[in-house]
Amino acid sequence: MAATPKASTASSNASSIYRSEHQRDVVNRLKRIEGQVRGLIDMVESGRSCEDVAQQMSAARKAMDKAFYRMMACSVMEAVATSQSEVDTVREVERSTRILEKYA
């Protein structure tokens, strides 16, 4: 019985490290997107062509989508890592699927 708490603690530590790495990745992505949006504002204010602005908007939108999917991947991995049973795992994956269907 003593092995279960150690395994749980190890799983919790691994999950915490994984989450921390993903949070850092997502924050870095969002900071780059923030820079892209500032660049878009400058483009509009300086009178750049609509096509140029649209192209950069598309790039910012795709970057935002990638950040969203990375966040969702973290959510699924965390749910799987912390699940106590197969039923919990399936329930959490289904919850993540509903979020993806709602927002993607």
PDB file of N, CA and C in Angstrom:
ATOM      1  N   MET A   1       0.818  -1.209   0.000  1.00  0.00           N
ATOM      2  CA  MET A   1       0.000   0.000   0.000  1.00  0.00           C
ATOM      3  C   MET A   1       0.858   1.268   0.000  1.00  0.00           C
ATOM      4  N   ALA A   2       2.045   1.179   0.502  1.00  0.00           N
ATOM      5  CA  ALA A   2       2.907   2.358   0.550  1.00  0.00           C
ATOM      6  C   ALA A   2       3.324   2.812  -0.837  1.00  0.00           C
ATOM      7  N   ALA A   3       3.312   1.919  -1.824  1.00  0.00           N
ATOM      8  CA  ALA A   3       3.733   2.281  -3.178  1.00  0.00           C
ATOM      9  C   ALA A   3       2.737   3.212  -3.855  1.00  0.00           C
ATOM     10  N   THR A   4       1.470   3.097  -3.512  1.00  0.00           N
ATOM     11  CA  THR A   4       0.453   3.919  -4.149  1.00  0.00           C
ATOM     12  C   THR A   4       0.650   5.405  -3.873  1.00  0.00           C
ATOM     13  N   PRO A   5       0.856   5.833  -2.608  1.00  0.00           N
ATOM     14  CA  PRO A   5       1.084   7.262  -2.387  1.00  0.00           C
ATOM     15  C   PRO A   5       2.340   7.768  -3.085  1.00  0.00           C
ATOM     16  N   LYS A   6       3.424   6.966  -3.109  1.00  0.00           N
ATOM     17  CA  LYS A   6       4.639   7.396  -3.796  1.00  0.00           C
ATOM     18  C   LYS A   6       4.382   7.546  -5.284  1.00  0.00           C
ATOM     19  N   ALA A   7       3.663   6.588  -5.873  1.00  0.00           N
ATOM     20  CA  ALA A   7       3.332   6.672  -7.299  1.00  0.00           C
ATOM     21  C   ALA A   7       2.470   7.888  -7.556  1.00  0.00           C
ATOM     22  N   SER A   8       1.526   8.133  -6.665  1.00  0.00           N
ATOM     23  CA  SER A   8       0.650   9.288  -6.809  1.00  0.00           C
ATOM     24  C   SER A   8       1.448  10.583  -6.709  1.00  0.00           C
ATOM     25  N   THR A   9       2.389  10.635  -5.766  1.00  0.00           N
ATOM     26  CA  THR A   9       3.224  11.814  -5.601  1.00  0.00           C
ATOM     27  C   THR A   9       4.108  12.022  -6.826  1.00  0.00           C
ATOM     28  N   ALA A  10       4.689  10.946  -7.329  1.00  0.00           N
ATOM     29  CA  ALA A  10       5.530  11.047  -8.528  1.00  0.00           C
ATOM     30  C   ALA A  10       4.716  11.533  -9.711  1.00  0.00           C
ATOM     31  N   SER A  11       3.506  11.003  -9.844  1.00  0.00           N
ATOM     32  CA  SER A  11       2.620  11.423 -10.932  1.00  0.00           C
ATOM     33  C   SER A  11       2.255  12.890 -10.785  1.00  0.00           C
ATOM     34  N   SER A  12       2.012  13.299  -9.555  1.00  0.00           N
ATOM     35  CA  SER A  12       1.664  14.692  -9.285  1.00  0.00           C
ATOM     36  C   SER A  12       2.829  15.619  -9.621  1.00  0.00           C
ATOM     37  N   ASN A  13       4.048  15.222  -9.252  1.00  0.00           N
ATOM     38  CA  ASN A  13       5.232  16.033  -9.564  1.00  0.00           C
ATOM     39  C   ASN A  13       5.459  16.131 -11.061  1.00  0.00           C
ATOM     40  N   ALA A  14       5.339  15.001 -11.758  1.00  0.00           N
ATOM     41  CA  ALA A  14       5.510  15.001 -13.213  1.00  0.00           C
ATOM     42  C   ALA A  14       4.444  15.877 -13.866  1.00  0.00           C
ATOM     43  N   SER A  15       3.219  15.778 -13.371  1.00  0.00           N
ATOM     44  CA  SER A  15       2.126  16.584 -13.907  1.00  0.00           C
ATOM     45  C   SER A  15       2.388  18.073 -13.670  1.00  0.00           C
ATOM     46  N   SER A  16       2.906  18.389 -12.501  1.00  0.00           N
ATOM     47  CA  SER A  16       3.201  19.777 -12.163  1.00  0.00           C
ATOM     48  C   SER A  16       4.307  20.342 -13.067  1.00  0.00           C
ATOM     49  N   ILE A  17       5.343  19.547 -13.312  1.00  0.00           N
ATOM     50  CA  ILE A  17       6.430  19.975 -14.193  1.00  0.00           C
ATOM     51  C   ILE A  17       5.910  20.154 -15.616  1.00  0.00           C
ATOM     52  N   TYR A  18       5.112  19.191 -16.074  1.00  0.00           N
ATOM     53  CA  TYR A  18       4.536  19.257 -17.417  1.00  0.00           C
ATOM     54  C   TYR A  18       3.683  20.517 -17.559  1.00  0.00           C
ATOM     55  N   ARG A  19       2.855  20.788 -16.551  1.00  0.00           N
ATOM     56  CA  ARG A  19       1.986  21.967 -16.589  1.00  0.00           C
ATOM     57  C   ARG A  19       2.817  23.247 -16.622  1.00  0.00           C
ATOM     58  N   SER A  20       3.856  23.296 -15.812  1.00  0.00           N
ATOM     59  CA  SER A  20       4.706  24.478 -15.764  1.00  0.00           C
ATOM     60  C   SER A  20       5.355  24.749 -17.119  1.00  0.00           C
ATOM     61  N   GLU A  21       5.840  23.698 -17.770  1.00  0.00           N
ATOM     62  CA  GLU A  21       6.452  23.854 -19.091  1.00  0.00           C
ATOM     63  C   GLU A  21       5.427  24.334 -20.113  1.00  0.00           C
ATOM     64  N   HIS A  22       4.226  23.775 -20.065  1.00  0.00           N
ATOM     65  CA  HIS A  22       3.193  24.190 -21.010  1.00  0.00           C
ATOM     66  C   HIS A  22       2.733  25.622 -20.750  1.00  0.00           C
ATOM     67  N   GLN A  23       2.627  25.992 -19.490  1.00  0.00           N
ATOM     68  CA  GLN A  23       2.237  27.364 -19.176  1.00  0.00           C
ATOM     69  C   GLN A  23       3.270  28.337 -19.731  1.00  0.00           C
ATOM     70  N   ARG A  24       4.539  28.017 -19.554  1.00  0.00           N
ATOM     71  CA  ARG A  24       5.604  28.878 -20.071  1.00  0.00           C
ATOM     72  C   ARG A  24       5.510  28.979 -21.593  1.00  0.00           C
ATOM     73  N   ASP A  25       5.265  27.835 -22.254  1.00  0.00           N
ATOM     74  CA  ASP A  25       5.129  27.815 -23.708  1.00  0.00           C
ATOM     75  C   ASP A  25       3.953  28.681 -24.157  1.00  0.00           C
ATOM     76  N   VAL A  26       2.812  28.527 -23.504  1.00  0.00           N
ATOM     77  CA  VAL A  26       1.615  29.282 -23.890  1.00  0.00           C
ATOM     78  C   VAL A  26       1.827  30.775 -23.633  1.00  0.00           C
ATOM     79  N   VAL A  27       2.419  31.123 -22.499  1.00  0.00           N
ATOM     80  CA  VAL A  27       2.679  32.537 -22.209  1.00  0.00           C
ATOM     81  C   VAL A  27       3.607  33.133 -23.266  1.00  0.00           C
ATOM     82  N   ASN A  28       4.655  32.393 -23.648  1.00  0.00           N
ATOM     83  CA  ASN A  28       5.556  32.889 -24.700  1.00  0.00           C
ATOM     84  C   ASN A  28       4.820  33.086 -26.012  1.00  0.00           C
ATOM     85  N   ARG A  29       3.962  32.142 -26.362  1.00  0.00           N
ATOM     86  CA  ARG A  29       3.167  32.274 -27.588  1.00  0.00           C
ATOM     87  C   ARG A  29       2.273  33.510 -27.523  1.00  0.00           C
ATOM     88  N   LEU A  30       1.621  33.721 -26.382  1.00  0.00           N
ATOM     89  CA  LEU A  30       0.725  34.872 -26.227  1.00  0.00           C
ATOM     90  C   LEU A  30       1.494  36.189 -26.293  1.00  0.00           C
ATOM     91  N   LYS A  31       2.696  36.211 -25.764  1.00  0.00           N
ATOM     92  CA  LYS A  31       3.512  37.431 -25.855  1.00  0.00           C
ATOM     93  C   LYS A  31       3.885  37.733 -27.300  1.00  0.00           C
ATOM     94  N   ARG A  32       4.195  36.674 -28.074  1.00  0.00           N
ATOM     95  CA  ARG A  32       4.481  36.890 -29.502  1.00  0.00           C
ATOM     96  C   ARG A  32       3.233  37.404 -30.218  1.00  0.00           C
ATOM     97  N   ILE A  33       2.084  36.846 -29.876  1.00  0.00           N
ATOM     98  CA  ILE A  33       0.823  37.293 -30.496  1.00  0.00           C
ATOM     99  C   ILE A  33       0.556  38.744 -30.126  1.00  0.00           C
ATOM    100  N   GLU A  34       0.832  39.099 -28.881  1.00  0.00           N
ATOM    101  CA  GLU A  34       0.660  40.485 -28.449  1.00  0.00           C
ATOM    102  C   GLU A  34       1.499  41.419 -29.321  1.00  0.00           C
ATOM    103  N   GLY A  35       2.722  41.008 -29.621  1.00  0.00           N
ATOM    104  CA  GLY A  35       3.581  41.793 -30.506  1.00  0.00           C
ATOM    105  C   GLY A  35       3.016  41.871 -31.913  1.00  0.00           C
ATOM    106  N   GLN A  36       2.459  40.750 -32.394  1.00  0.00           N
ATOM    107  CA  GLN A  36       1.841  40.752 -33.718  1.00  0.00           C
ATOM    108  C   GLN A  36       0.669  41.731 -33.770  1.00  0.00           C
ATOM    109  N   VAL A  37      -0.129  41.755 -32.717  1.00  0.00           N
ATOM    110  CA  VAL A  37      -1.297  42.647 -32.689  1.00  0.00           C
ATOM    111  C   VAL A  37      -0.840  44.104 -32.642  1.00  0.00           C
ATOM    112  N   ARG A  38       0.202  44.385 -31.866  1.00  0.00           N
ATOM    113  CA  ARG A  38       0.735  45.753 -31.867  1.00  0.00           C
ATOM    114  C   ARG A  38       1.223  46.135 -33.266  1.00  0.00           C
ATOM    115  N   GLY A  39       1.863  45.183 -33.933  1.00  0.00           N
ATOM    116  CA  GLY A  39       2.308  45.424 -35.301  1.00  0.00           C
ATOM    117  C   GLY A  39       1.139  45.680 -36.240  1.00  0.00           C
ATOM    118  N   LEU A  40       0.051  44.967 -36.027  1.00  0.00           N
ATOM    119  CA  LEU A  40      -1.155  45.177 -36.847  1.00  0.00           C
ATOM    120  C   LEU A  40      -1.703  46.590 -36.657  1.00  0.00           C
ATOM    121  N   ILE A  41      -1.727  47.032 -35.426  1.00  0.00           N
ATOM    122  CA  ILE A  41      -2.216  48.394 -35.151  1.00  0.00           C
ATOM    123  C   ILE A  41      -1.348  49.407 -35.886  1.00  0.00           C
ATOM    124  N   ASP A  42      -0.036  49.218 -35.803  1.00  0.00           N
ATOM    125  CA  ASP A  42       0.884  50.131 -36.515  1.00  0.00           C
ATOM    126  C   ASP A  42       0.631  50.092 -38.015  1.00  0.00           C
ATOM    127  N   MET A  43       0.397  48.888 -38.553  1.00  0.00           N
ATOM    128  CA  MET A  43       0.143  48.754 -39.996  1.00  0.00           C
ATOM    129  C   MET A  43      -1.107  49.528 -40.407  1.00  0.00           C
ATOM    130  N   VAL A  44      -2.164  49.393 -39.623  1.00  0.00           N
ATOM    131  CA  VAL A  44      -3.419  50.090 -39.949  1.00  0.00           C
ATOM    132  C   VAL A  44      -3.212  51.591 -39.834  1.00  0.00           C
ATOM    133  N   GLU A  45      -2.573  52.025 -38.741  1.00  0.00           N
ATOM    134  CA  GLU A  45      -2.371  53.465 -38.537  1.00  0.00           C
ATOM    135  C   GLU A  45      -1.457  54.086 -39.580  1.00  0.00           C
ATOM    136  N   SER A  46      -0.546  53.283 -40.132  1.00  0.00           N
ATOM    137  CA  SER A  46       0.364  53.840 -41.145  1.00  0.00           C
ATOM    138  C   SER A  46      -0.201  53.712 -42.557  1.00  0.00           C
ATOM    139  N   GLY A  47      -1.407  53.159 -42.676  1.00  0.00           N
ATOM    140  CA  GLY A  47      -2.068  53.109 -43.969  1.00  0.00           C
ATOM    141  C   GLY A  47      -1.614  51.980 -44.880  1.00  0.00           C
ATOM    142  N   ARG A  48      -1.087  50.903 -44.311  1.00  0.00           N
ATOM    143  CA  ARG A  48      -0.678  49.762 -45.138  1.00  0.00           C
ATOM    144  C   ARG A  48      -1.895  49.194 -45.859  1.00  0.00           C
ATOM    145  N   SER A  49      -1.637  48.485 -46.923  1.00  0.00           N
ATOM    146  CA  SER A  49      -2.737  47.960 -47.742  1.00  0.00           C
ATOM    147  C   SER A  49      -3.575  46.953 -46.946  1.00  0.00           C
ATOM    148  N   CYS A  50      -4.835  46.886 -47.322  1.00  0.00           N
ATOM    149  CA  CYS A  50      -5.753  45.951 -46.662  1.00  0.00           C
ATOM    150  C   CYS A  50      -5.262  44.511 -46.797  1.00  0.00           C
ATOM    151  N   GLU A  51      -4.686  44.188 -47.950  1.00  0.00           N
ATOM    152  CA  GLU A  51      -4.189  42.824 -48.157  1.00  0.00           C
ATOM    153  C   GLU A  51      -3.039  42.505 -47.206  1.00  0.00           C
ATOM    154  N   ASP A  52      -2.121  43.458 -47.031  1.00  0.00           N
ATOM    155  CA  ASP A  52      -1.010  43.246 -46.093  1.00  0.00           C
ATOM    156  C   ASP A  52      -1.529  43.049 -44.664  1.00  0.00           C
ATOM    157  N   VAL A  53      -2.475  43.876 -44.272  1.00  0.00           N
ATOM    158  CA  VAL A  53      -3.046  43.784 -42.925  1.00  0.00           C
ATOM    159  C   VAL A  53      -3.787  42.453 -42.762  1.00  0.00           C
ATOM    160  N   ALA A  54      -4.557  42.090 -43.772  1.00  0.00           N
ATOM    161  CA  ALA A  54      -5.309  40.831 -43.709  1.00  0.00           C
ATOM    162  C   ALA A  54      -4.364  39.641 -43.568  1.00  0.00           C
ATOM    163  N   GLN A  55      -3.252  39.685 -44.284  1.00  0.00           N
ATOM    164  CA  GLN A  55      -2.274  38.598 -44.213  1.00  0.00           C
ATOM    165  C   GLN A  55      -1.716  38.472 -42.789  1.00  0.00           C
ATOM    166  N   GLN A  56      -1.401  39.588 -42.190  1.00  0.00           N
ATOM    167  CA  GLN A  56      -0.864  39.565 -40.826  1.00  0.00           C
ATOM    168  C   GLN A  56      -1.937  39.183 -39.801  1.00  0.00           C
ATOM    169  N   MET A  57      -3.173  39.585 -40.057  1.00  0.00           N
ATOM    170  CA  MET A  57      -4.270  39.167 -39.174  1.00  0.00           C
ATOM    171  C   MET A  57      -4.441  37.660 -39.217  1.00  0.00           C
ATOM    172  N   SER A  58      -4.333  37.110 -40.404  1.00  0.00           N
ATOM    173  CA  SER A  58      -4.434  35.666 -40.561  1.00  0.00           C
ATOM    174  C   SER A  58      -3.328  34.956 -39.777  1.00  0.00           C
ATOM    175  N   ALA A  59      -2.122  35.488 -39.846  1.00  0.00           N
ATOM    176  CA  ALA A  59      -1.000  34.901 -39.107  1.00  0.00           C
ATOM    177  C   ALA A  59      -1.238  34.976 -37.600  1.00  0.00           C
ATOM    178  N   ALA A  60      -1.756  36.101 -37.124  1.00  0.00           N
ATOM    179  CA  ALA A  60      -2.039  36.250 -35.693  1.00  0.00           C
ATOM    180  C   ALA A  60      -3.145  35.289 -35.259  1.00  0.00           C
ATOM    181  N   ARG A  61      -4.154  35.141 -36.104  1.00  0.00           N
ATOM    182  CA  ARG A  61      -5.259  34.215 -35.793  1.00  0.00           C
ATOM    183  C   ARG A  61      -4.749  32.780 -35.714  1.00  0.00           C
ATOM    184  N   LYS A  62      -3.895  32.394 -36.650  1.00  0.00           N
ATOM    185  CA  LYS A  62      -3.329  31.037 -36.627  1.00  0.00           C
ATOM    186  C   LYS A  62      -2.462  30.822 -35.398  1.00  0.00           C
ATOM    187  N   ALA A  63      -1.708  31.845 -35.024  1.00  0.00           N
ATOM    188  CA  ALA A  63      -0.880  31.742 -33.824  1.00  0.00           C
ATOM    189  C   ALA A  63      -1.754  31.582 -32.586  1.00  0.00           C
ATOM    190  N   MET A  64      -2.865  32.283 -32.549  1.00  0.00           N
ATOM    191  CA  MET A  64      -3.805  32.163 -31.430  1.00  0.00           C
ATOM    192  C   MET A  64      -4.404  30.762 -31.391  1.00  0.00           C
ATOM    193  N   ASP A  65      -4.744  30.222 -32.550  1.00  0.00           N
ATOM    194  CA  ASP A  65      -5.270  28.854 -32.615  1.00  0.00           C
ATOM    195  C   ASP A  65      -4.253  27.857 -32.075  1.00  0.00           C
ATOM    196  N   LYS A  66      -2.986  28.032 -32.447  1.00  0.00           N
ATOM    197  CA  LYS A  66      -1.945  27.124 -31.966  1.00  0.00           C
ATOM    198  C   LYS A  66      -1.801  27.215 -30.454  1.00  0.00           C
ATOM    199  N   ALA A  67      -1.863  28.419 -29.912  1.00  0.00           N
ATOM    200  CA  ALA A  67      -1.784  28.590 -28.458  1.00  0.00           C
ATOM    201  C   ALA A  67      -2.971  27.900 -27.781  1.00  0.00           C
ATOM    202  N   PHE A  68      -4.149  28.036 -28.373  1.00  0.00           N
ATOM    203  CA  PHE A  68      -5.352  27.384 -27.839  1.00  0.00           C
ATOM    204  C   PHE A  68      -5.181  25.866 -27.826  1.00  0.00           C
ATOM    205  N   TYR A  69      -4.697  25.307 -28.915  1.00  0.00           N
ATOM    206  CA  TYR A  69      -4.525  23.852 -28.992  1.00  0.00           C
ATOM    207  C   TYR A  69      -3.449  23.369 -28.030  1.00  0.00           C
ATOM    208  N   ARG A  70      -2.396  24.150 -27.830  1.00  0.00           N
ATOM    209  CA  ARG A  70      -1.382  23.769 -26.840  1.00  0.00           C
ATOM    210  C   ARG A  70      -1.984  23.756 -25.438  1.00  0.00           C
ATOM    211  N   MET A  71      -2.828  24.741 -25.156  1.00  0.00           N
ATOM    212  CA  MET A  71      -3.470  24.796 -23.841  1.00  0.00           C
ATOM    213  C   MET A  71      -4.393  23.590 -23.663  1.00  0.00           C
ATOM    214  N   MET A  72      -5.114  23.237 -24.705  1.00  0.00           N
ATOM    215  CA  MET A  72      -6.008  22.080 -24.622  1.00  0.00           C
ATOM    216  C   MET A  72      -5.214  20.780 -24.482  1.00  0.00           C
ATOM    217  N   ALA A  73      -4.087  20.681 -25.155  1.00  0.00           N
ATOM    218  CA  ALA A  73      -3.249  19.486 -25.025  1.00  0.00           C
ATOM    219  C   ALA A  73      -2.773  19.348 -23.582  1.00  0.00           C
ATOM    220  N   CYS A  74      -2.420  20.448 -22.976  1.00  0.00           N
ATOM    221  CA  CYS A  74      -2.003  20.432 -21.576  1.00  0.00           C
ATOM    222  C   CYS A  74      -3.152  19.965 -20.695  1.00  0.00           C
ATOM    223  N   SER A  75      -4.338  20.451 -20.977  1.00  0.00           N
ATOM    224  CA  SER A  75      -5.512  20.064 -20.204  1.00  0.00           C
ATOM    225  C   SER A  75      -5.766  18.564 -20.289  1.00  0.00           C
ATOM    226  N   VAL A  76      -5.674  18.016 -21.486  1.00  0.00           N
ATOM    227  CA  VAL A  76      -5.913  16.580 -21.673  1.00  0.00           C
ATOM    228  C   VAL A  76      -4.817  15.770 -20.979  1.00  0.00           C
ATOM    229  N   MET A  77      -3.560  16.161 -21.169  1.00  0.00           N
ATOM    230  CA  MET A  77      -2.457  15.428 -20.551  1.00  0.00           C
ATOM    231  C   MET A  77      -2.554  15.467 -19.032  1.00  0.00           C
ATOM    232  N   GLU A  78      -2.902  16.604 -18.502  1.00  0.00           N
ATOM    233  CA  GLU A  78      -3.051  16.741 -17.053  1.00  0.00           C
ATOM    234  C   GLU A  78      -4.190  15.860 -16.542  1.00  0.00           C
ATOM    235  N   ALA A  79      -5.294  15.843 -17.268  1.00  0.00           N
ATOM    236  CA  ALA A  79      -6.442  15.027 -16.867  1.00  0.00           C
ATOM    237  C   ALA A  79      -6.095  13.547 -16.873  1.00  0.00           C
ATOM    238  N   VAL A  80      -5.378  13.126 -17.894  1.00  0.00           N
ATOM    239  CA  VAL A  80      -4.989  11.717 -17.996  1.00  0.00           C
ATOM    240  C   VAL A  80      -4.006  11.362 -16.879  1.00  0.00           C
ATOM    241  N   ALA A  81      -3.051  12.247 -16.623  1.00  0.00           N
ATOM    242  CA  ALA A  81      -2.024  11.972 -15.622  1.00  0.00           C
ATOM    243  C   ALA A  81      -2.589  11.909 -14.208  1.00  0.00           C
ATOM    244  N   THR A  82      -3.623  12.682 -13.941  1.00  0.00           N
ATOM    245  CA  THR A  82      -4.160  12.738 -12.577  1.00  0.00           C
ATOM    246  C   THR A  82      -5.384  11.867 -12.367  1.00  0.00           C
ATOM    247  N   SER A  83      -5.871  11.223 -13.400  1.00  0.00           N
ATOM    248  CA  SER A  83      -7.057  10.370 -13.269  1.00  0.00           C
ATOM    249  C   SER A  83      -6.761   9.185 -12.372  1.00  0.00           C
ATOM    250  N   GLN A  84      -7.731   8.845 -11.565  1.00  0.00           N
ATOM    251  CA  GLN A  84      -7.586   7.719 -10.643  1.00  0.00           C
ATOM    252  C   GLN A  84      -8.089   6.419 -11.241  1.00  0.00           C
ATOM    253  N   SER A  85      -8.857   6.523 -12.331  1.00  0.00           N
ATOM    254  CA  SER A  85      -9.404   5.313 -12.946  1.00  0.00           C
ATOM    255  C   SER A  85      -9.619   5.559 -14.433  1.00  0.00           C
ATOM    256  N   GLU A  86      -9.872   4.501 -15.151  1.00  0.00           N
ATOM    257  CA  GLU A  86     -10.147   4.611 -16.580  1.00  0.00           C
ATOM    258  C   GLU A  86     -11.413   5.416 -16.823  1.00  0.00           C
ATOM    259  N   VAL A  87     -12.386   5.252 -15.949  1.00  0.00           N
ATOM    260  CA  VAL A  87     -13.637   6.006 -16.069  1.00  0.00           C
ATOM    261  C   VAL A  87     -13.362   7.500 -15.941  1.00  0.00           C
ATOM    262  N   ASP A  88     -12.520   7.873 -14.975  1.00  0.00           N
ATOM    263  CA  ASP A  88     -12.150   9.284 -14.810  1.00  0.00           C
ATOM    264  C   ASP A  88     -11.430   9.807 -16.047  1.00  0.00           C
ATOM    265  N   THR A  89     -10.549   9.005 -16.596  1.00  0.00           N
ATOM    266  CA  THR A  89      -9.804   9.404 -17.793  1.00  0.00           C
ATOM    267  C   THR A  89     -10.754   9.670 -18.948  1.00  0.00           C
ATOM    268  N   VAL A  90     -11.675   8.743 -19.183  1.00  0.00           N
ATOM    269  CA  VAL A  90     -12.644   8.908 -20.278  1.00  0.00           C
ATOM    270  C   VAL A  90     -13.493  10.147 -20.036  1.00  0.00           C
ATOM    271  N   ARG A  91     -13.924  10.358 -18.821  1.00  0.00           N
ATOM    272  CA  ARG A  91     -14.761  11.521 -18.482  1.00  0.00           C
ATOM    273  C   ARG A  91     -14.004  12.819 -18.773  1.00  0.00           C
ATOM    274  N   GLU A  92     -12.736  12.872 -18.391  1.00  0.00           N
ATOM    275  CA  GLU A  92     -11.944  14.082 -18.607  1.00  0.00           C
ATOM    276  C   GLU A  92     -11.646  14.322 -20.089  1.00  0.00           C
ATOM    277  N   VAL A  93     -11.381  13.264 -20.828  1.00  0.00           N
ATOM    278  CA  VAL A  93     -11.145  13.410 -22.269  1.00  0.00           C
ATOM    279  C   VAL A  93     -12.429  13.888 -22.948  1.00  0.00           C
ATOM    280  N   GLU A  94     -13.569  13.365 -22.530  1.00  0.00           N
ATOM    281  CA  GLU A  94     -14.849  13.824 -23.092  1.00  0.00           C
ATOM    282  C   GLU A  94     -15.093  15.293 -22.767  1.00  0.00           C
ATOM    283  N   ARG A  95     -14.733  15.714 -21.556  1.00  0.00           N
ATOM    284  CA  ARG A  95     -14.887  17.125 -21.168  1.00  0.00           C
ATOM    285  C   ARG A  95     -14.022  18.005 -22.067  1.00  0.00           C
ATOM    286  N   SER A  96     -12.786  17.575 -22.302  1.00  0.00           N
ATOM    287  CA  SER A  96     -11.900  18.334 -23.187  1.00  0.00           C
ATOM    288  C   SER A  96     -12.443  18.374 -24.608  1.00  0.00           C
ATOM    289  N   THR A  97     -13.032  17.265 -25.048  1.00  0.00           N
ATOM    290  CA  THR A  97     -13.629  17.214 -26.385  1.00  0.00           C
ATOM    291  C   THR A  97     -14.766  18.224 -26.498  1.00  0.00           C
ATOM    292  N   ARG A  98     -15.588  18.333 -25.467  1.00  0.00           N
ATOM    293  CA  ARG A  98     -16.690  19.317 -25.483  1.00  0.00           C
ATOM    294  C   ARG A  98     -16.146  20.737 -25.561  1.00  0.00           C
ATOM    295  N   ILE A  99     -15.056  21.003 -24.833  1.00  0.00           N
ATOM    296  CA  ILE A  99     -14.448  22.332 -24.894  1.00  0.00           C
ATOM    297  C   ILE A  99     -13.952  22.629 -26.302  1.00  0.00           C
ATOM    298  N   LEU A 100     -13.287  21.641 -26.918  1.00  0.00           N
ATOM    299  CA  LEU A 100     -12.804  21.824 -28.285  1.00  0.00           C
ATOM    300  C   LEU A 100     -13.969  22.069 -29.248  1.00  0.00           C
ATOM    301  N   GLU A 101     -15.037  21.308 -29.099  1.00  0.00           N
ATOM    302  CA  GLU A 101     -16.198  21.489 -29.971  1.00  0.00           C
ATOM    303  C   GLU A 101     -16.816  22.875 -29.777  1.00  0.00           C
ATOM    304  N   LYS A 102     -16.805  23.359 -28.561  1.00  0.00           N
ATOM    305  CA  LYS A 102     -17.427  24.640 -28.258  1.00  0.00           C
ATOM    306  C   LYS A 102     -16.602  25.828 -28.760  1.00  0.00           C
ATOM    307  N   TYR A 103     -15.298  25.753 -28.612  1.00  0.00           N
ATOM    308  CA  TYR A 103     -14.468  26.919 -28.889  1.00  0.00           C
ATOM    309  C   TYR A 103     -13.593  26.836 -30.132  1.00  0.00           C
ATOM    310  N   ALA A 104     -13.427  25.644 -30.691  1.00  0.00           N
ATOM    311  CA  ALA A 104     -12.543  25.526 -31.853  1.00  0.00           C
ATOM    312  C   ALA A 104     -13.295  25.740 -33.144  1.00  0.00           C
TER     313      ALA A 104
END
